[in-house]
Amino acid sequence: MKNYFEVICLRKSWPMKDVEISLEMEKGEALALLGPSGCGKSSALRMIAGLLTPDSGSIMLDGIDITSLSPGKRKTGMVFQEHALFPHLSVEDNIGYGLVAGGAGRKESRKKAAEWLELMGLEGFAKRRPESLSGGEKQRVSLARTLAVEPLLVLFDEPLSSLDAGLRARLQEELRSRQREAGYTALYVTHDEQEAEILADRIIRMV
């Protein structure tokens, strides 16, 4: 399906910087926004997620104009550079949080969490708290929590940038494999050209 996701002249202006972007994506496609720090990649992503209000432009997802919708109603998921885990919840309950919020039972959410723990190489971590995890482990839990609810569009704001090279390379391949298998539509922000080439079908360069 063409134009499953479309950003039309989305614009945000500050005194020293203007960000404007247009793009189109097919369902199941992976696209990377590539560029140096400060070029507006993350601002574009935050406008798409509903975390930053654009000055003009529109966003269409699966035939619906989501430009004015609150973040929780956009059917998008976002993975940040920061881990943003709930410190008072176990790993399995962090992963299942969005499922429970959406009406799933605790048994169902924990079953799904166990599947993601295995995928992310975190078997045996279900009952642990975020404070006991390394940075890489926290990021993998964050990735699992976002993907577990199967959003229509997944937004990634340099989610692997804080990881060591070996783990980062492995998770790049895992992310790409999962995206192809599950068929979700993914938009990545990165400053790493090699990472963009691994993760995405197409690349848009921002300057």
C-alpha atoms as a PDB file:
ATOM      1  CA  MET A   1       0.000   0.000   0.000  1.00  0.00           C
ATOM      2  CA  LYS A   2       1.476   3.324  -1.034  1.00  0.00           C
ATOM      3  CA  ASN A   3       1.510   6.232   1.381  1.00  0.00           C
ATOM      4  CA  TYR A   4       0.579   4.156   4.414  1.00  0.00           C
ATOM      5  CA  PHE A   5       2.456   6.856   6.318  1.00  0.00           C
ATOM      6  CA  GLU A   6       2.906  10.389   5.019  1.00  0.00           C
ATOM      7  CA  VAL A   7       4.423  13.548   6.457  1.00  0.00           C
ATOM      8  CA  ILE A   8       3.459  16.639   4.458  1.00  0.00           C
ATOM      9  CA  CYS A   9       5.512  19.829   4.854  1.00  0.00           C
ATOM     10  CA  LEU A  10       5.862  19.398   8.617  1.00  0.00           C
ATOM     11  CA  ARG A  11       7.575  22.494   9.957  1.00  0.00           C
ATOM     12  CA  LYS A  12       8.870  23.868  13.239  1.00  0.00           C
ATOM     13  CA  SER A  13      10.723  27.158  13.578  1.00  0.00           C
ATOM     14  CA  TRP A  14      12.966  28.497  16.327  1.00  0.00           C
ATOM     15  CA  PRO A  15      14.947  31.759  16.300  1.00  0.00           C
ATOM     16  CA  MET A  16      18.129  30.011  15.136  1.00  0.00           C
ATOM     17  CA  LYS A  17      16.767  26.896  13.424  1.00  0.00           C
ATOM     18  CA  ASP A  18      14.023  25.769  11.051  1.00  0.00           C
ATOM     19  CA  VAL A  19      13.064  22.122  10.630  1.00  0.00           C
ATOM     20  CA  GLU A  20      10.921  21.098   7.681  1.00  0.00           C
ATOM     21  CA  ILE A  21      10.350  17.585   6.416  1.00  0.00           C
ATOM     22  CA  SER A  22       8.129  15.664   4.002  1.00  0.00           C
ATOM     23  CA  LEU A  23       8.229  11.902   3.482  1.00  0.00           C
ATOM     24  CA  GLU A  24       6.134   8.962   2.349  1.00  0.00           C
ATOM     25  CA  MET A  25       6.355   5.327   3.434  1.00  0.00           C
ATOM     26  CA  GLU A  26       4.737   2.088   2.446  1.00  0.00           C
ATOM     27  CA  LYS A  27       3.336  -0.269   5.042  1.00  0.00           C
ATOM     28  CA  GLY A  28       6.108  -2.453   6.454  1.00  0.00           C
ATOM     29  CA  GLU A  29       8.900  -0.228   5.169  1.00  0.00           C
ATOM     30  CA  ALA A  30      11.878   0.896   7.229  1.00  0.00           C
ATOM     31  CA  LEU A  31      13.215   4.409   6.676  1.00  0.00           C
ATOM     32  CA  ALA A  32      16.165   6.179   8.322  1.00  0.00           C
ATOM     33  CA  LEU A  33      16.631   9.900   8.879  1.00  0.00           C
ATOM     34  CA  LEU A  34      20.385  10.358   8.745  1.00  0.00           C
ATOM     35  CA  GLY A  35      22.308  13.459   9.649  1.00  0.00           C
ATOM     36  CA  PRO A  36      24.630  15.174  12.138  1.00  0.00           C
ATOM     37  CA  SER A  37      23.598  16.327  15.595  1.00  0.00           C
ATOM     38  CA  GLY A  38      21.532  19.504  15.495  1.00  0.00           C
ATOM     39  CA  CYS A  39      20.093  19.003  12.005  1.00  0.00           C
ATOM     40  CA  GLY A  40      16.552  18.451  13.311  1.00  0.00           C
ATOM     41  CA  LYS A  41      16.212  14.657  13.102  1.00  0.00           C
ATOM     42  CA  SER A  42      14.954  14.199  16.643  1.00  0.00           C
ATOM     43  CA  SER A  43      12.684  17.243  16.381  1.00  0.00           C
ATOM     44  CA  ALA A  44      11.056  15.722  13.303  1.00  0.00           C
ATOM     45  CA  LEU A  45      10.551  12.458  15.164  1.00  0.00           C
ATOM     46  CA  ARG A  46       9.062  14.206  18.185  1.00  0.00           C
ATOM     47  CA  MET A  47       6.574  16.052  15.970  1.00  0.00           C
ATOM     48  CA  ILE A  48       5.512  12.746  14.420  1.00  0.00           C
ATOM     49  CA  ALA A  49       5.129  11.225  17.896  1.00  0.00           C
ATOM     50  CA  GLY A  50       3.046  14.154  19.140  1.00  0.00           C
ATOM     51  CA  LEU A  51       5.633  15.283  21.683  1.00  0.00           C
ATOM     52  CA  LEU A  52       6.366  18.542  19.841  1.00  0.00           C
ATOM     53  CA  THR A  53       3.673  20.657  18.191  1.00  0.00           C
ATOM     54  CA  PRO A  54       4.505  21.623  14.594  1.00  0.00           C
ATOM     55  CA  ASP A  55       3.907  25.152  13.307  1.00  0.00           C
ATOM     56  CA  SER A  56       2.362  23.759  10.117  1.00  0.00           C
ATOM     57  CA  GLY A  57       2.013  20.621   8.039  1.00  0.00           C
ATOM     58  CA  SER A  58       0.184  17.337   8.500  1.00  0.00           C
ATOM     59  CA  ILE A  59       0.785  13.673   9.364  1.00  0.00           C
ATOM     60  CA  MET A  60      -1.252  10.807   7.900  1.00  0.00           C
ATOM     61  CA  LEU A  61      -1.083   7.237   9.214  1.00  0.00           C
ATOM     62  CA  ASP A  62      -3.124   4.399   7.698  1.00  0.00           C
ATOM     63  CA  GLY A  63      -5.562   6.876   6.138  1.00  0.00           C
ATOM     64  CA  ILE A  64      -6.094   8.920   9.320  1.00  0.00           C
ATOM     65  CA  ASP A  65      -4.882  12.457   9.973  1.00  0.00           C
ATOM     66  CA  ILE A  66      -3.076  12.159  13.315  1.00  0.00           C
ATOM     67  CA  THR A  67      -1.565  15.662  13.326  1.00  0.00           C
ATOM     68  CA  SER A  68      -3.732  16.897  16.197  1.00  0.00           C
ATOM     69  CA  LEU A  69      -4.093  13.641  18.124  1.00  0.00           C
ATOM     70  CA  SER A  70      -2.481  13.169  21.525  1.00  0.00           C
ATOM     71  CA  PRO A  71       0.548  10.850  21.609  1.00  0.00           C
ATOM     72  CA  GLY A  72      -1.449   8.039  23.200  1.00  0.00           C
ATOM     73  CA  LYS A  73      -4.011   8.011  20.383  1.00  0.00           C
ATOM     74  CA  ARG A  74      -1.612   7.943  17.429  1.00  0.00           C
ATOM     75  CA  LYS A  75      -0.962   4.156  17.506  1.00  0.00           C
ATOM     76  CA  THR A  76       2.741   4.856  17.335  1.00  0.00           C
ATOM     77  CA  GLY A  77       5.499   3.604  19.598  1.00  0.00           C
ATOM     78  CA  MET A  78       8.737   5.389  20.360  1.00  0.00           C
ATOM     79  CA  VAL A  79      12.106   4.177  21.599  1.00  0.00           C
ATOM     80  CA  PHE A  80      14.267   6.955  23.050  1.00  0.00           C
ATOM     81  CA  GLN A  81      17.979   7.295  23.703  1.00  0.00           C
ATOM     82  CA  GLU A  82      17.056   7.320  27.390  1.00  0.00           C
ATOM     83  CA  HIS A  83      15.711   4.071  28.797  1.00  0.00           C
ATOM     84  CA  ALA A  84      12.604   5.598  30.459  1.00  0.00           C
ATOM     85  CA  LEU A  85      11.785   2.449  32.446  1.00  0.00           C
ATOM     86  CA  PHE A  86       9.537   2.455  35.508  1.00  0.00           C
ATOM     87  CA  PRO A  87      11.909   1.894  38.463  1.00  0.00           C
ATOM     88  CA  HIS A  88       9.207   0.407  40.721  1.00  0.00           C
ATOM     89  CA  LEU A  89       8.186  -2.294  38.206  1.00  0.00           C
ATOM     90  CA  SER A  90       9.934  -5.568  37.409  1.00  0.00           C
ATOM     91  CA  VAL A  91      11.404  -6.124  33.966  1.00  0.00           C
ATOM     92  CA  GLU A  92       8.460  -8.281  32.875  1.00  0.00           C
ATOM     93  CA  ASP A  93       5.949  -5.708  34.106  1.00  0.00           C
ATOM     94  CA  ASN A  94       7.827  -2.914  32.335  1.00  0.00           C
ATOM     95  CA  ILE A  95       7.583  -4.853  29.069  1.00  0.00           C
ATOM     96  CA  GLY A  96       3.923  -5.671  29.665  1.00  0.00           C
ATOM     97  CA  TYR A  97       2.921  -2.186  30.835  1.00  0.00           C
ATOM     98  CA  GLY A  98       1.461  -1.055  27.516  1.00  0.00           C
ATOM     99  CA  LEU A  99      -0.362  -4.348  27.061  1.00  0.00           C
ATOM    100  CA  VAL A 100      -2.023  -4.084  30.471  1.00  0.00           C
ATOM    101  CA  ALA A 101      -2.888  -0.426  29.832  1.00  0.00           C
ATOM    102  CA  GLY A 102      -4.545  -1.570  26.609  1.00  0.00           C
ATOM    103  CA  GLY A 103      -6.719  -4.116  28.393  1.00  0.00           C
ATOM    104  CA  ALA A 104      -4.643  -7.313  28.403  1.00  0.00           C
ATOM    105  CA  GLY A 105      -4.664  -9.508  31.481  1.00  0.00           C
ATOM    106  CA  ARG A 106      -1.543  -9.877  33.593  1.00  0.00           C
ATOM    107  CA  LYS A 107      -1.086 -13.513  32.585  1.00  0.00           C
ATOM    108  CA  GLU A 108      -1.231 -12.614  28.901  1.00  0.00           C
ATOM    109  CA  SER A 109       1.114  -9.652  29.314  1.00  0.00           C
ATOM    110  CA  ARG A 110       3.688 -11.733  31.184  1.00  0.00           C
ATOM    111  CA  LYS A 111       3.537 -14.457  28.535  1.00  0.00           C
ATOM    112  CA  LYS A 112       4.258 -11.854  25.865  1.00  0.00           C
ATOM    113  CA  ALA A 113       7.003 -10.341  28.051  1.00  0.00           C
ATOM    114  CA  ALA A 114       8.665 -13.770  28.330  1.00  0.00           C
ATOM    115  CA  GLU A 115       8.748 -14.035  24.533  1.00  0.00           C
ATOM    116  CA  TRP A 116      10.440 -10.669  24.241  1.00  0.00           C
ATOM    117  CA  LEU A 117      12.895 -11.443  27.041  1.00  0.00           C
ATOM    118  CA  GLU A 118      14.015 -14.486  25.085  1.00  0.00           C
ATOM    119  CA  LEU A 119      14.290 -12.503  21.850  1.00  0.00           C
ATOM    120  CA  MET A 120      16.392  -9.850  23.556  1.00  0.00           C
ATOM    121  CA  GLY A 121      18.679 -12.357  25.274  1.00  0.00           C
ATOM    122  CA  LEU A 122      17.348 -11.530  28.746  1.00  0.00           C
ATOM    123  CA  GLU A 123      16.031 -14.905  29.898  1.00  0.00           C
ATOM    124  CA  GLY A 124      15.968 -15.018  33.699  1.00  0.00           C
ATOM    125  CA  PHE A 125      15.596 -11.235  34.040  1.00  0.00           C
ATOM    126  CA  ALA A 126      11.782 -11.187  34.440  1.00  0.00           C
ATOM    127  CA  LYS A 127      11.694 -10.437  38.181  1.00  0.00           C
ATOM    128  CA  ARG A 128      14.609  -8.037  38.274  1.00  0.00           C
ATOM    129  CA  ARG A 129      14.237  -4.275  38.709  1.00  0.00           C
ATOM    130  CA  PRO A 130      15.697  -1.725  36.278  1.00  0.00           C
ATOM    131  CA  GLU A 131      18.201  -0.479  38.868  1.00  0.00           C
ATOM    132  CA  SER A 132      19.987  -3.840  38.718  1.00  0.00           C
ATOM    133  CA  LEU A 133      20.449  -3.763  34.935  1.00  0.00           C
ATOM    134  CA  SER A 134      23.327  -2.491  32.841  1.00  0.00           C
ATOM    135  CA  GLY A 135      22.778   0.256  30.281  1.00  0.00           C
ATOM    136  CA  GLY A 136      22.557  -2.235  27.432  1.00  0.00           C
ATOM    137  CA  GLU A 137      20.104  -4.423  29.332  1.00  0.00           C
ATOM    138  CA  LYS A 138      17.892  -1.418  30.107  1.00  0.00           C
ATOM    139  CA  GLN A 139      17.830  -0.441  26.448  1.00  0.00           C
ATOM    140  CA  ARG A 140      16.826  -3.931  25.389  1.00  0.00           C
ATOM    141  CA  VAL A 141      13.960  -3.889  27.896  1.00  0.00           C
ATOM    142  CA  SER A 142      12.890  -0.504  26.530  1.00  0.00           C
ATOM    143  CA  LEU A 143      12.908  -1.875  22.976  1.00  0.00           C
ATOM    144  CA  ALA A 144      10.865  -4.880  24.041  1.00  0.00           C
ATOM    145  CA  ARG A 145       8.292  -2.725  25.834  1.00  0.00           C
ATOM    146  CA  THR A 146       7.700  -0.590  22.748  1.00  0.00           C
ATOM    147  CA  LEU A 147       7.432  -3.479  20.298  1.00  0.00           C
ATOM    148  CA  ALA A 148       5.257  -5.670  22.542  1.00  0.00           C
ATOM    149  CA  VAL A 149       2.137  -3.560  21.872  1.00  0.00           C
ATOM    150  CA  GLU A 150       2.591  -3.886  18.088  1.00  0.00           C
ATOM    151  CA  PRO A 151       2.145  -0.217  17.125  1.00  0.00           C
ATOM    152  CA  LEU A 152       1.286   0.753  13.538  1.00  0.00           C
ATOM    153  CA  LEU A 153       4.449   2.849  13.358  1.00  0.00           C
ATOM    154  CA  VAL A 154       7.584   2.507  15.465  1.00  0.00           C
ATOM    155  CA  LEU A 155       9.830   5.542  15.924  1.00  0.00           C
ATOM    156  CA  PHE A 156      13.443   5.023  16.994  1.00  0.00           C
ATOM    157  CA  ASP A 157      15.488   7.964  18.299  1.00  0.00           C
ATOM    158  CA  GLU A 158      19.051   6.568  18.182  1.00  0.00           C
ATOM    159  CA  PRO A 159      18.043   3.707  20.494  1.00  0.00           C
ATOM    160  CA  LEU A 160      21.390   1.893  20.294  1.00  0.00           C
ATOM    161  CA  SER A 161      23.744   4.848  20.613  1.00  0.00           C
ATOM    162  CA  SER A 162      24.651   4.156  24.255  1.00  0.00           C
ATOM    163  CA  LEU A 163      25.581   0.489  23.714  1.00  0.00           C
ATOM    164  CA  ASP A 164      29.028  -1.005  23.202  1.00  0.00           C
ATOM    165  CA  ALA A 165      30.009  -1.878  19.650  1.00  0.00           C
ATOM    166  CA  GLY A 166      29.458  -5.632  19.882  1.00  0.00           C
ATOM    167  CA  LEU A 167      25.995  -5.456  21.443  1.00  0.00           C
ATOM    168  CA  ARG A 168      25.043  -2.599  19.160  1.00  0.00           C
ATOM    169  CA  ALA A 169      25.911  -4.630  16.065  1.00  0.00           C
ATOM    170  CA  ARG A 170      23.944  -7.635  17.324  1.00  0.00           C
ATOM    171  CA  LEU A 171      20.869  -5.568  18.153  1.00  0.00           C
ATOM    172  CA  GLN A 172      21.032  -3.831  14.768  1.00  0.00           C
ATOM    173  CA  GLU A 173      20.689  -7.220  13.104  1.00  0.00           C
ATOM    174  CA  GLU A 174      17.965  -8.301  15.571  1.00  0.00           C
ATOM    175  CA  LEU A 175      15.989  -5.126  14.989  1.00  0.00           C
ATOM    176  CA  ARG A 176      16.195  -5.519  11.233  1.00  0.00           C
ATOM    177  CA  SER A 177      15.227  -9.180  11.394  1.00  0.00           C
ATOM    178  CA  ARG A 178      12.284  -8.504  13.708  1.00  0.00           C
ATOM    179  CA  GLN A 179      11.070  -5.619  11.562  1.00  0.00           C
ATOM    180  CA  ARG A 180      11.075  -7.826   8.474  1.00  0.00           C
ATOM    181  CA  GLU A 181       9.387 -10.750  10.246  1.00  0.00           C
ATOM    182  CA  ALA A 182       6.685  -8.723  11.996  1.00  0.00           C
ATOM    183  CA  GLY A 183       6.227  -6.304   9.107  1.00  0.00           C
ATOM    184  CA  TYR A 184       5.852  -3.175  11.198  1.00  0.00           C
ATOM    185  CA  THR A 185       6.621   0.234   9.709  1.00  0.00           C
ATOM    186  CA  ALA A 186       9.759   1.730  11.248  1.00  0.00           C
ATOM    187  CA  LEU A 187      11.306   5.197  11.190  1.00  0.00           C
ATOM    188  CA  TYR A 188      14.828   5.495  12.586  1.00  0.00           C
ATOM    189  CA  VAL A 189      16.872   8.537  13.520  1.00  0.00           C
ATOM    190  CA  THR A 190      20.630   8.051  13.498  1.00  0.00           C
ATOM    191  CA  HIS A 191      23.895   9.862  12.795  1.00  0.00           C
ATOM    192  CA  ASP A 192      25.606   6.563  11.901  1.00  0.00           C
ATOM    193  CA  GLU A 193      25.536   5.852   8.165  1.00  0.00           C
ATOM    194  CA  GLN A 194      26.426   2.178   8.561  1.00  0.00           C
ATOM    195  CA  GLU A 195      23.624   1.706  11.080  1.00  0.00           C
ATOM    196  CA  ALA A 196      21.159   3.427   8.742  1.00  0.00           C
ATOM    197  CA  GLU A 197      22.142   1.095   5.916  1.00  0.00           C
ATOM    198  CA  ILE A 198      21.592  -1.983   8.119  1.00  0.00           C
ATOM    199  CA  LEU A 199      18.275  -0.896   9.620  1.00  0.00           C
ATOM    200  CA  ALA A 200      16.495   0.784   6.722  1.00  0.00           C
ATOM    201  CA  ASP A 201      15.227   0.166   3.205  1.00  0.00           C
ATOM    202  CA  ARG A 202      15.738   3.834   2.365  1.00  0.00           C
ATOM    203  CA  ILE A 203      17.643   6.760   3.813  1.00  0.00           C
ATOM    204  CA  ILE A 204      16.710  10.450   3.927  1.00  0.00           C
ATOM    205  CA  ARG A 205      19.684  12.687   4.603  1.00  0.00           C
ATOM    206  CA  MET A 206      19.122  15.805   6.719  1.00  0.00           C
ATOM    207  CA  VAL A 207      21.591  18.670   6.965  1.00  0.00           C
END
